[in-house]
């Protein structure tokens, strides 16, 4: 039996911290390659036991923060008939053993209705919301709606965000902070930015007690181990998983991949024994 607390981001991160682990946050695009198949993939990721938080992308026709792999997934999803109502149906149908968060764009939230979107997140068991293109100064209405419905609004900060601005953005933040590892769009990279450590330290200082997870460019266990080793509370892996889905990888192959990623979030000695 999964306790209600296991679906709260704060309690999930607290438990992982107590166990000396970072969080593995896995991303997929809802509707890719079809709504039914994405539901099955999402459930298999949850059931793998390796994913600590599942991030579901609600497709938008102009995903400006995403690189070619996720843009292609969004195109496939939209062509397969994916829409916001279906996104909530899928979220509601999941047997959630871990927290589920949405990542989308402001136009999706606005067109659906801000209050309605936040309420639907709550009803379907979505624990947190990331709005990729919504500036902090314009996010008040969405943040307030999320707060009313018990949904964590997850703030994004980048390497270019000054310490003073980080403190302003992250004041009162909840769930976790999404720290972009490098400027640009999502996608696999061979190496992570050499400047990640000082940026991460700034973000953790500004976030106070809120966990900080790093995303963009994290595509393998070495990257995951690197960001956790530098002090991140979680690592977000998206394009690498989405690329596997695009290439027709089996559920078993994807489970094996995320299991290796999860191992890299554990204490260095455990990861070293596996290598």
C-alpha atoms as a PDB file:
ATOM      1  CA  UNK A   1       0.000   0.000   0.000  1.00  0.00           C
ATOM      2  CA  UNK A   2       1.324   3.428  -0.960  1.00  0.00           C
ATOM      3  CA  UNK A   3       0.766   6.101   1.655  1.00  0.00           C
ATOM      4  CA  UNK A   4      -0.611   9.475   0.641  1.00  0.00           C
ATOM      5  CA  UNK A   5       2.673  11.048   1.724  1.00  0.00           C
ATOM      6  CA  UNK A   6       4.547   9.186  -0.986  1.00  0.00           C
ATOM      7  CA  UNK A   7       2.731  11.314  -3.557  1.00  0.00           C
ATOM      8  CA  UNK A   8       3.929  14.561  -1.978  1.00  0.00           C
ATOM      9  CA  UNK A   9       7.111  15.911  -3.507  1.00  0.00           C
ATOM     10  CA  UNK A  10       8.391  17.270  -0.196  1.00  0.00           C
ATOM     11  CA  UNK A  11       8.041  13.935   1.566  1.00  0.00           C
ATOM     12  CA  UNK A  12       9.570  12.019  -1.345  1.00  0.00           C
ATOM     13  CA  UNK A  13      12.658  14.255  -1.337  1.00  0.00           C
ATOM     14  CA  UNK A  14      12.888  14.128   2.465  1.00  0.00           C
ATOM     15  CA  UNK A  15      12.857  10.328   2.427  1.00  0.00           C
ATOM     16  CA  UNK A  16      15.500  10.139  -0.304  1.00  0.00           C
ATOM     17  CA  UNK A  17      17.697  12.609   1.567  1.00  0.00           C
ATOM     18  CA  UNK A  18      17.435  10.518   4.723  1.00  0.00           C
ATOM     19  CA  UNK A  19      18.543   7.488   2.709  1.00  0.00           C
ATOM     20  CA  UNK A  20      21.456   9.375   1.173  1.00  0.00           C
ATOM     21  CA  UNK A  21      20.061   9.267  -2.357  1.00  0.00           C
ATOM     22  CA  UNK A  22      19.211  11.811  -5.008  1.00  0.00           C
ATOM     23  CA  UNK A  23      15.925  11.698  -6.915  1.00  0.00           C
ATOM     24  CA  UNK A  24      15.679  10.310 -10.431  1.00  0.00           C
ATOM     25  CA  UNK A  25      13.069  12.361 -12.272  1.00  0.00           C
ATOM     26  CA  UNK A  26      12.087  10.773 -15.594  1.00  0.00           C
ATOM     27  CA  UNK A  27      10.310  12.718 -18.342  1.00  0.00           C
ATOM     28  CA  UNK A  28       8.126  11.491 -21.195  1.00  0.00           C
ATOM     29  CA  UNK A  29       5.800  13.325 -23.574  1.00  0.00           C
ATOM     30  CA  UNK A  30       2.158  12.387 -23.115  1.00  0.00           C
ATOM     31  CA  UNK A  31       0.619  11.001 -26.297  1.00  0.00           C
ATOM     32  CA  UNK A  32       3.896   9.761 -27.770  1.00  0.00           C
ATOM     33  CA  UNK A  33       3.685   7.535 -29.720  1.00  0.00           C
ATOM     34  CA  UNK A  34      -0.041   7.444 -28.904  1.00  0.00           C
ATOM     35  CA  UNK A  35      -2.142   8.307 -25.848  1.00  0.00           C
ATOM     36  CA  UNK A  36      -2.690   4.647 -24.931  1.00  0.00           C
ATOM     37  CA  UNK A  37       0.961   3.733 -25.408  1.00  0.00           C
ATOM     38  CA  UNK A  38       2.157   6.712 -23.380  1.00  0.00           C
ATOM     39  CA  UNK A  39      -0.115   5.626 -20.518  1.00  0.00           C
ATOM     40  CA  UNK A  40       1.479   2.170 -20.631  1.00  0.00           C
ATOM     41  CA  UNK A  41       4.999   3.645 -20.756  1.00  0.00           C
ATOM     42  CA  UNK A  42       4.260   6.005 -17.859  1.00  0.00           C
ATOM     43  CA  UNK A  43       2.919   3.146 -15.760  1.00  0.00           C
ATOM     44  CA  UNK A  44       5.917   0.953 -16.588  1.00  0.00           C
ATOM     45  CA  UNK A  45       8.265   3.732 -15.455  1.00  0.00           C
ATOM     46  CA  UNK A  46       6.375   4.030 -12.177  1.00  0.00           C
ATOM     47  CA  UNK A  47       6.367   0.258 -11.725  1.00  0.00           C
ATOM     48  CA  UNK A  48      10.098   0.004 -12.456  1.00  0.00           C
ATOM     49  CA  UNK A  49      10.879   1.046  -8.894  1.00  0.00           C
ATOM     50  CA  UNK A  50      13.725   3.166 -10.262  1.00  0.00           C
ATOM     51  CA  UNK A  51      11.869   6.421 -10.940  1.00  0.00           C
ATOM     52  CA  UNK A  52      11.310   8.681  -7.939  1.00  0.00           C
ATOM     53  CA  UNK A  53       9.264  11.371  -9.694  1.00  0.00           C
ATOM     54  CA  UNK A  54       7.542  11.086 -13.080  1.00  0.00           C
ATOM     55  CA  UNK A  55       7.430  14.237 -15.189  1.00  0.00           C
ATOM     56  CA  UNK A  56       4.790  14.221 -17.925  1.00  0.00           C
ATOM     57  CA  UNK A  57       4.940  16.691 -20.785  1.00  0.00           C
ATOM     58  CA  UNK A  58       1.561  18.059 -21.892  1.00  0.00           C
ATOM     59  CA  UNK A  59       2.150  18.769 -25.598  1.00  0.00           C
ATOM     60  CA  UNK A  60       2.075  22.286 -27.001  1.00  0.00           C
ATOM     61  CA  UNK A  61       2.492  23.121 -30.680  1.00  0.00           C
ATOM     62  CA  UNK A  62       5.397  25.530 -30.109  1.00  0.00           C
ATOM     63  CA  UNK A  63       7.640  23.981 -27.420  1.00  0.00           C
ATOM     64  CA  UNK A  64      10.354  26.647 -27.469  1.00  0.00           C
ATOM     65  CA  UNK A  65      12.366  25.206 -24.556  1.00  0.00           C
ATOM     66  CA  UNK A  66      12.680  21.789 -26.148  1.00  0.00           C
ATOM     67  CA  UNK A  67      15.292  20.399 -28.488  1.00  0.00           C
ATOM     68  CA  UNK A  68      14.652  18.304 -31.613  1.00  0.00           C
ATOM     69  CA  UNK A  69      14.057  14.989 -29.814  1.00  0.00           C
ATOM     70  CA  UNK A  70      11.223  16.278 -27.644  1.00  0.00           C
ATOM     71  CA  UNK A  71       9.877  18.539 -30.402  1.00  0.00           C
ATOM     72  CA  UNK A  72       9.518  15.451 -32.600  1.00  0.00           C
ATOM     73  CA  UNK A  73       7.753  13.640 -29.746  1.00  0.00           C
ATOM     74  CA  UNK A  74       5.352  16.555 -29.354  1.00  0.00           C
ATOM     75  CA  UNK A  75       4.598  16.460 -33.086  1.00  0.00           C
ATOM     76  CA  UNK A  76       3.870  12.728 -32.925  1.00  0.00           C
ATOM     77  CA  UNK A  77       1.660  13.191 -29.871  1.00  0.00           C
ATOM     78  CA  UNK A  78      -0.401  15.982 -31.401  1.00  0.00           C
ATOM     79  CA  UNK A  79      -0.839  14.006 -34.626  1.00  0.00           C
ATOM     80  CA  UNK A  80      -2.016  11.065 -32.521  1.00  0.00           C
ATOM     81  CA  UNK A  81      -4.792  13.251 -31.089  1.00  0.00           C
ATOM     82  CA  UNK A  82      -3.277  14.178 -27.738  1.00  0.00           C
ATOM     83  CA  UNK A  83      -4.942  17.090 -25.929  1.00  0.00           C
ATOM     84  CA  UNK A  84      -5.223  18.503 -22.421  1.00  0.00           C
ATOM     85  CA  UNK A  85      -8.375  16.582 -21.482  1.00  0.00           C
ATOM     86  CA  UNK A  86      -6.644  13.348 -22.489  1.00  0.00           C
ATOM     87  CA  UNK A  87      -3.611  14.361 -20.431  1.00  0.00           C
ATOM     88  CA  UNK A  88      -5.765  14.550 -17.319  1.00  0.00           C
ATOM     89  CA  UNK A  89      -7.442  11.237 -18.193  1.00  0.00           C
ATOM     90  CA  UNK A  90      -4.035   9.564 -18.438  1.00  0.00           C
ATOM     91  CA  UNK A  91      -2.815  11.106 -15.182  1.00  0.00           C
ATOM     92  CA  UNK A  92      -5.995  10.027 -13.441  1.00  0.00           C
ATOM     93  CA  UNK A  93      -5.669   6.465 -14.755  1.00  0.00           C
ATOM     94  CA  UNK A  94      -2.126   5.948 -13.456  1.00  0.00           C
ATOM     95  CA  UNK A  95      -1.515   3.803 -10.395  1.00  0.00           C
ATOM     96  CA  UNK A  96       0.671   6.425  -8.750  1.00  0.00           C
ATOM     97  CA  UNK A  97       3.324   5.007  -6.483  1.00  0.00           C
ATOM     98  CA  UNK A  98       5.468   8.123  -6.931  1.00  0.00           C
ATOM     99  CA  UNK A  99       4.690  11.835  -7.361  1.00  0.00           C
ATOM    100  CA  UNK A 100       3.681  12.896 -10.868  1.00  0.00           C
ATOM    101  CA  UNK A 101       4.322  16.406 -12.188  1.00  0.00           C
ATOM    102  CA  UNK A 102       3.274  18.121 -15.399  1.00  0.00           C
ATOM    103  CA  UNK A 103       5.525  20.183 -17.624  1.00  0.00           C
ATOM    104  CA  UNK A 104       3.743  22.369 -20.151  1.00  0.00           C
ATOM    105  CA  UNK A 105       3.521  25.873 -21.615  1.00  0.00           C
ATOM    106  CA  UNK A 106       1.469  28.833 -20.482  1.00  0.00           C
ATOM    107  CA  UNK A 107      -0.839  28.890 -23.503  1.00  0.00           C
ATOM    108  CA  UNK A 108      -2.059  25.389 -22.618  1.00  0.00           C
ATOM    109  CA  UNK A 109      -2.878  26.456 -19.055  1.00  0.00           C
ATOM    110  CA  UNK A 110      -4.465  29.743 -20.150  1.00  0.00           C
ATOM    111  CA  UNK A 111      -6.665  28.199 -22.842  1.00  0.00           C
ATOM    112  CA  UNK A 112      -7.839  25.456 -20.501  1.00  0.00           C
ATOM    113  CA  UNK A 113      -8.491  28.002 -17.755  1.00  0.00           C
ATOM    114  CA  UNK A 114      -5.977  28.600 -14.977  1.00  0.00           C
ATOM    115  CA  UNK A 115      -8.286  27.660 -12.109  1.00  0.00           C
ATOM    116  CA  UNK A 116      -9.692  24.695 -14.012  1.00  0.00           C
ATOM    117  CA  UNK A 117      -6.196  23.463 -14.891  1.00  0.00           C
ATOM    118  CA  UNK A 118      -4.997  23.601 -11.280  1.00  0.00           C
ATOM    119  CA  UNK A 119      -8.182  21.930 -10.033  1.00  0.00           C
ATOM    120  CA  UNK A 120      -7.840  19.201 -12.665  1.00  0.00           C
ATOM    121  CA  UNK A 121      -4.237  18.606 -11.598  1.00  0.00           C
ATOM    122  CA  UNK A 122      -5.433  18.074  -8.040  1.00  0.00           C
ATOM    123  CA  UNK A 123      -8.313  15.794  -9.038  1.00  0.00           C
ATOM    124  CA  UNK A 124      -6.127  13.627 -11.285  1.00  0.00           C
ATOM    125  CA  UNK A 125      -3.357  13.298  -8.703  1.00  0.00           C
ATOM    126  CA  UNK A 126      -0.759  15.549 -10.324  1.00  0.00           C
ATOM    127  CA  UNK A 127       1.479  16.768  -7.503  1.00  0.00           C
ATOM    128  CA  UNK A 128       3.325  19.602  -9.241  1.00  0.00           C
ATOM    129  CA  UNK A 129       3.284  21.913 -12.253  1.00  0.00           C
ATOM    130  CA  UNK A 130       6.125  23.359 -14.327  1.00  0.00           C
ATOM    131  CA  UNK A 131       5.248  26.053 -16.873  1.00  0.00           C
ATOM    132  CA  UNK A 132       8.319  26.299 -19.070  1.00  0.00           C
ATOM    133  CA  UNK A 133       7.743  29.711 -20.647  1.00  0.00           C
ATOM    134  CA  UNK A 134       6.044  31.670 -17.845  1.00  0.00           C
ATOM    135  CA  UNK A 135       8.197  34.468 -16.369  1.00  0.00           C
ATOM    136  CA  UNK A 136       8.122  34.731 -12.591  1.00  0.00           C
ATOM    137  CA  UNK A 137       6.635  38.242 -12.718  1.00  0.00           C
ATOM    138  CA  UNK A 138       3.643  36.921 -14.690  1.00  0.00           C
ATOM    139  CA  UNK A 139       3.132  33.682 -12.768  1.00  0.00           C
ATOM    140  CA  UNK A 140       1.186  35.000  -9.776  1.00  0.00           C
ATOM    141  CA  UNK A 141      -2.249  33.838 -10.916  1.00  0.00           C
ATOM    142  CA  UNK A 142      -1.023  30.340 -11.755  1.00  0.00           C
ATOM    143  CA  UNK A 143       0.940  30.047  -8.500  1.00  0.00           C
ATOM    144  CA  UNK A 144      -2.085  31.152  -6.490  1.00  0.00           C
ATOM    145  CA  UNK A 145      -4.385  28.678  -8.259  1.00  0.00           C
ATOM    146  CA  UNK A 146      -1.905  25.868  -7.637  1.00  0.00           C
ATOM    147  CA  UNK A 147      -1.690  26.806  -3.952  1.00  0.00           C
ATOM    148  CA  UNK A 148      -5.485  26.761  -3.629  1.00  0.00           C
ATOM    149  CA  UNK A 149      -5.597  23.217  -4.976  1.00  0.00           C
ATOM    150  CA  UNK A 150      -2.574  21.793  -3.168  1.00  0.00           C
ATOM    151  CA  UNK A 151      -0.394  21.559  -6.273  1.00  0.00           C
ATOM    152  CA  UNK A 152       3.282  22.527  -6.042  1.00  0.00           C
ATOM    153  CA  UNK A 153       4.265  25.238  -8.524  1.00  0.00           C
ATOM    154  CA  UNK A 154       7.814  24.369  -9.565  1.00  0.00           C
ATOM    155  CA  UNK A 155      10.027  27.330 -10.391  1.00  0.00           C
ATOM    156  CA  UNK A 156      12.736  27.300 -13.058  1.00  0.00           C
ATOM    157  CA  UNK A 157      16.101  29.043 -12.734  1.00  0.00           C
ATOM    158  CA  UNK A 158      18.989  29.137 -15.209  1.00  0.00           C
ATOM    159  CA  UNK A 159      22.761  29.719 -15.098  1.00  0.00           C
ATOM    160  CA  UNK A 160      22.100  33.330 -16.137  1.00  0.00           C
ATOM    161  CA  UNK A 161      19.808  34.010 -13.183  1.00  0.00           C
ATOM    162  CA  UNK A 162      21.553  36.291 -10.691  1.00  0.00           C
ATOM    163  CA  UNK A 163      21.656  35.339  -7.025  1.00  0.00           C
ATOM    164  CA  UNK A 164      19.362  38.241  -6.103  1.00  0.00           C
ATOM    165  CA  UNK A 165      16.830  37.231  -8.748  1.00  0.00           C
ATOM    166  CA  UNK A 166      17.062  33.587  -7.710  1.00  0.00           C
ATOM    167  CA  UNK A 167      16.158  34.585  -4.165  1.00  0.00           C
ATOM    168  CA  UNK A 168      13.174  36.552  -5.453  1.00  0.00           C
ATOM    169  CA  UNK A 169      11.961  33.715  -7.696  1.00  0.00           C
ATOM    170  CA  UNK A 170      12.468  30.990  -5.114  1.00  0.00           C
ATOM    171  CA  UNK A 171      11.017  32.807  -2.116  1.00  0.00           C
ATOM    172  CA  UNK A 172       8.261  30.530  -0.855  1.00  0.00           C
ATOM    173  CA  UNK A 173       8.918  27.873  -3.495  1.00  0.00           C
ATOM    174  CA  UNK A 174       7.634  24.330  -3.018  1.00  0.00           C
ATOM    175  CA  UNK A 175       8.037  20.864  -4.471  1.00  0.00           C
ATOM    176  CA  UNK A 176      11.456  21.301  -6.013  1.00  0.00           C
ATOM    177  CA  UNK A 177      13.386  23.858  -8.023  1.00  0.00           C
ATOM    178  CA  UNK A 178      14.139  23.066 -11.669  1.00  0.00           C
ATOM    179  CA  UNK A 179      17.697  24.221 -12.356  1.00  0.00           C
ATOM    180  CA  UNK A 180      18.568  24.330 -16.052  1.00  0.00           C
ATOM    181  CA  UNK A 181      22.127  22.996 -16.359  1.00  0.00           C
ATOM    182  CA  UNK A 182      23.059  25.079 -19.385  1.00  0.00           C
ATOM    183  CA  UNK A 183      21.543  27.725 -21.626  1.00  0.00           C
ATOM    184  CA  UNK A 184      19.756  26.489 -24.738  1.00  0.00           C
ATOM    185  CA  UNK A 185      17.128  23.816 -25.277  1.00  0.00           C
ATOM    186  CA  UNK A 186      16.634  20.310 -23.946  1.00  0.00           C
ATOM    187  CA  UNK A 187      18.618  17.476 -25.479  1.00  0.00           C
ATOM    188  CA  UNK A 188      21.417  14.999 -24.909  1.00  0.00           C
ATOM    189  CA  UNK A 189      24.910  16.410 -24.433  1.00  0.00           C
ATOM    190  CA  UNK A 190      28.283  14.704 -24.137  1.00  0.00           C
ATOM    191  CA  UNK A 191      29.385  16.821 -21.193  1.00  0.00           C
ATOM    192  CA  UNK A 192      27.708  19.034 -18.635  1.00  0.00           C
ATOM    193  CA  UNK A 193      28.743  22.640 -18.083  1.00  0.00           C
ATOM    194  CA  UNK A 194      31.920  23.136 -16.059  1.00  0.00           C
ATOM    195  CA  UNK A 195      30.202  26.040 -14.299  1.00  0.00           C
ATOM    196  CA  UNK A 196      27.387  23.866 -12.944  1.00  0.00           C
ATOM    197  CA  UNK A 197      28.751  23.596  -9.388  1.00  0.00           C
ATOM    198  CA  UNK A 198      28.746  27.354  -8.557  1.00  0.00           C
ATOM    199  CA  UNK A 199      25.342  27.786 -10.216  1.00  0.00           C
ATOM    200  CA  UNK A 200      23.994  24.860  -8.210  1.00  0.00           C
ATOM    201  CA  UNK A 201      25.425  26.300  -5.004  1.00  0.00           C
ATOM    202  CA  UNK A 202      23.688  29.632  -5.736  1.00  0.00           C
ATOM    203  CA  UNK A 203      20.410  27.880  -6.422  1.00  0.00           C
ATOM    204  CA  UNK A 204      20.565  25.773  -3.263  1.00  0.00           C
ATOM    205  CA  UNK A 205      21.367  28.840  -1.179  1.00  0.00           C
ATOM    206  CA  UNK A 206      18.442  30.753  -2.693  1.00  0.00           C
ATOM    207  CA  UNK A 207      16.055  27.804  -2.453  1.00  0.00           C
ATOM    208  CA  UNK A 208      16.659  27.409   1.292  1.00  0.00           C
ATOM    209  CA  UNK A 209      14.977  24.099   2.212  1.00  0.00           C
ATOM    210  CA  UNK A 210      13.407  23.410  -1.196  1.00  0.00           C
ATOM    211  CA  UNK A 211      15.202  20.619  -3.111  1.00  0.00           C
ATOM    212  CA  UNK A 212      16.995  21.524  -6.346  1.00  0.00           C
ATOM    213  CA  UNK A 213      16.887  19.169  -9.336  1.00  0.00           C
ATOM    214  CA  UNK A 214      19.050  19.652 -12.424  1.00  0.00           C
ATOM    215  CA  UNK A 215      17.780  19.121 -15.964  1.00  0.00           C
ATOM    216  CA  UNK A 216      18.744  19.734 -19.626  1.00  0.00           C
ATOM    217  CA  UNK A 217      21.468  17.588 -21.152  1.00  0.00           C
ATOM    218  CA  UNK A 218      21.467  14.787 -18.583  1.00  0.00           C
ATOM    219  CA  UNK A 219      21.466  11.623 -20.645  1.00  0.00           C
ATOM    220  CA  UNK A 220      23.341   8.863 -18.825  1.00  0.00           C
ATOM    221  CA  UNK A 221      24.435   7.523 -15.438  1.00  0.00           C
ATOM    222  CA  UNK A 222      27.706   9.478 -15.466  1.00  0.00           C
ATOM    223  CA  UNK A 223      25.763  12.738 -15.836  1.00  0.00           C
ATOM    224  CA  UNK A 224      23.337  11.703 -13.091  1.00  0.00           C
ATOM    225  CA  UNK A 225      26.170  10.779 -10.748  1.00  0.00           C
ATOM    226  CA  UNK A 226      27.941  14.036 -11.583  1.00  0.00           C
ATOM    227  CA  UNK A 227      25.030  16.336 -10.693  1.00  0.00           C
ATOM    228  CA  UNK A 228      24.150  14.390  -7.542  1.00  0.00           C
ATOM    229  CA  UNK A 229      27.814  14.398  -6.555  1.00  0.00           C
ATOM    230  CA  UNK A 230      27.890  18.181  -6.951  1.00  0.00           C
ATOM    231  CA  UNK A 231      25.045  18.497  -4.456  1.00  0.00           C
ATOM    232  CA  UNK A 232      21.856  18.395  -6.531  1.00  0.00           C
ATOM    233  CA  UNK A 233      18.867  16.787  -4.848  1.00  0.00           C
ATOM    234  CA  UNK A 234      17.654  15.290  -8.113  1.00  0.00           C
ATOM    235  CA  UNK A 235      18.523  14.673 -11.754  1.00  0.00           C
ATOM    236  CA  UNK A 236      15.989  15.089 -14.564  1.00  0.00           C
ATOM    237  CA  UNK A 237      16.364  12.822 -17.604  1.00  0.00           C
ATOM    238  CA  UNK A 238      14.084  13.416 -20.578  1.00  0.00           C
ATOM    239  CA  UNK A 239      15.481  13.419 -24.107  1.00  0.00           C
ATOM    240  CA  UNK A 240      17.400  10.154 -23.634  1.00  0.00           C
ATOM    241  CA  UNK A 241      14.200   8.336 -22.615  1.00  0.00           C
ATOM    242  CA  UNK A 242      12.086  10.032 -25.287  1.00  0.00           C
ATOM    243  CA  UNK A 243      14.678   9.058 -27.892  1.00  0.00           C
ATOM    244  CA  UNK A 244      14.426   5.411 -26.812  1.00  0.00           C
ATOM    245  CA  UNK A 245      10.641   5.581 -27.184  1.00  0.00           C
ATOM    246  CA  UNK A 246      11.016   7.102 -30.671  1.00  0.00           C
ATOM    247  CA  UNK A 247      13.288   4.218 -31.673  1.00  0.00           C
ATOM    248  CA  UNK A 248      10.792   1.624 -30.490  1.00  0.00           C
ATOM    249  CA  UNK A 249      12.647   0.443 -27.392  1.00  0.00           C
ATOM    250  CA  UNK A 250      10.847  -2.215 -25.377  1.00  0.00           C
ATOM    251  CA  UNK A 251       9.477  -1.592 -21.898  1.00  0.00           C
ATOM    252  CA  UNK A 252      12.207  -3.892 -20.615  1.00  0.00           C
ATOM    253  CA  UNK A 253      14.938  -1.851 -22.297  1.00  0.00           C
ATOM    254  CA  UNK A 254      13.580   1.391 -20.842  1.00  0.00           C
ATOM    255  CA  UNK A 255      13.280  -0.180 -17.383  1.00  0.00           C
ATOM    256  CA  UNK A 256      16.887  -1.375 -17.587  1.00  0.00           C
ATOM    257  CA  UNK A 257      18.028   2.126 -18.591  1.00  0.00           C
ATOM    258  CA  UNK A 258      16.237   3.935 -15.756  1.00  0.00           C
ATOM    259  CA  UNK A 259      17.457   1.316 -13.281  1.00  0.00           C
ATOM    260  CA  UNK A 260      21.055   2.140 -14.225  1.00  0.00           C
ATOM    261  CA  UNK A 261      20.260   5.861 -13.946  1.00  0.00           C
ATOM    262  CA  UNK A 262      18.737   5.358 -10.503  1.00  0.00           C
ATOM    263  CA  UNK A 263      21.800   3.486  -9.283  1.00  0.00           C
ATOM    264  CA  UNK A 264      23.844   6.612 -10.048  1.00  0.00           C
ATOM    265  CA  UNK A 265      21.738   8.662  -7.592  1.00  0.00           C
ATOM    266  CA  UNK A 266      22.870   6.489  -4.700  1.00  0.00           C
ATOM    267  CA  UNK A 267      25.989   6.868  -2.559  1.00  0.00           C
ATOM    268  CA  UNK A 268      29.225   6.823  -4.566  1.00  0.00           C
ATOM    269  CA  UNK A 269      30.309   3.483  -3.125  1.00  0.00           C
ATOM    270  CA  UNK A 270      27.139   1.764  -4.348  1.00  0.00           C
ATOM    271  CA  UNK A 271      27.513   3.240  -7.841  1.00  0.00           C
ATOM    272  CA  UNK A 272      31.196   2.330  -7.962  1.00  0.00           C
ATOM    273  CA  UNK A 273      30.430  -1.297  -7.129  1.00  0.00           C
ATOM    274  CA  UNK A 274      28.088  -1.472 -10.124  1.00  0.00           C
ATOM    275  CA  UNK A 275      30.545   0.032 -12.602  1.00  0.00           C
END
